[in-house]
Protein backbone atom coordinates (compact mmCIF):
# COMPACT_ATOMS: atom_id res chain seq x y z
CA MET A 1 63.56 3.54 -26.61
CA HIS A 2 66.35 4.32 -24.16
CA GLN A 3 65.86 5.32 -20.57
CA GLY A 4 67.13 8.67 -19.41
CA SER A 5 69.88 9.08 -16.89
CA GLY A 6 68.95 10.13 -13.39
CA ILE A 7 70.14 13.14 -11.44
CA LEU A 8 72.25 10.91 -9.17
CA SER A 9 75.11 8.63 -10.08
CA THR A 10 74.93 4.99 -9.01
CA ARG A 11 77.20 5.66 -6.05
CA GLN A 12 75.21 8.72 -4.98
CA ARG A 13 71.99 6.73 -5.26
CA ARG A 14 73.38 4.01 -2.97
CA LEU A 15 74.52 6.61 -0.46
CA ALA A 16 71.10 8.28 -0.61
CA TRP A 17 69.41 4.96 0.16
CA LEU A 18 71.85 4.37 3.02
CA GLY A 19 71.19 7.86 4.40
CA PHE A 20 67.45 7.36 4.10
CA MET A 21 67.55 4.05 5.94
CA LEU A 22 69.77 5.39 8.72
CA ALA A 23 67.64 8.50 9.26
CA ALA A 24 64.41 6.52 9.10
CA LEU A 25 65.68 4.00 11.64
CA GLN A 26 67.18 6.64 13.90
CA ALA A 27 63.89 8.57 14.27
CA PRO A 28 61.95 5.97 16.29
CA VAL A 29 65.01 5.08 18.36
CA SER A 30 65.59 8.70 19.34
CA ALA A 31 61.85 9.15 19.98
CA TRP A 32 62.06 6.29 22.45
CA LEU A 33 65.25 7.52 24.13
CA VAL A 34 64.77 11.31 24.20
CA ALA A 35 61.91 13.10 25.94
CA ASP A 36 61.68 16.06 23.53
CA GLU A 37 60.52 16.05 19.91
CA SER A 38 63.98 16.30 18.34
CA TRP A 39 63.31 12.99 16.54
CA LEU A 40 61.14 14.94 14.09
CA PHE A 41 64.31 16.39 12.58
CA SER A 42 65.44 12.87 11.62
CA LEU A 43 62.05 12.21 10.11
CA CYS A 44 62.24 15.42 8.04
CA VAL A 45 65.72 14.51 6.78
CA ALA A 46 64.53 11.03 5.81
CA LEU A 47 61.58 12.53 3.91
CA MET A 48 63.82 14.99 2.05
CA VAL A 49 66.22 12.22 1.02
CA ALA A 50 63.26 10.08 -0.07
CA THR A 51 62.06 12.97 -2.24
CA VAL A 52 65.44 13.11 -3.99
CA ILE A 53 65.38 9.34 -4.56
CA ILE A 54 61.87 9.56 -6.03
CA ALA A 55 62.90 12.45 -8.31
CA ASP A 56 65.90 10.42 -9.49
CA ASP A 57 63.63 7.44 -10.14
CA ALA A 58 61.30 9.60 -12.23
CA ALA A 59 64.23 10.99 -14.24
CA ARG A 60 65.53 7.48 -14.90
CA ARG A 61 62.15 6.23 -16.10
CA ARG A 62 61.71 9.10 -18.57
CA PRO A 63 62.79 8.22 -22.11
CA ALA A 64 66.19 9.65 -23.08
CA ASN A 65 64.82 11.67 -26.01
CA ALA A 66 61.90 13.20 -24.06
CA THR A 67 61.77 16.97 -23.94
CA ASP A 68 60.35 19.06 -21.11
């Protein structure tokens, strides 16, 4: 049984993880430095990138010959 390929290439997956980490770390820092709630935007971006990473993970774990 072979594993399926994901929706992201290896390079795109690494960049997605980097983007997730940067956005997730930037949210609390900007919440501490800025008086308004603009840090929520960083949190939303981090959650959207995490969703793409999870979808890619699910696609990689699916067997290659599985049909939808």
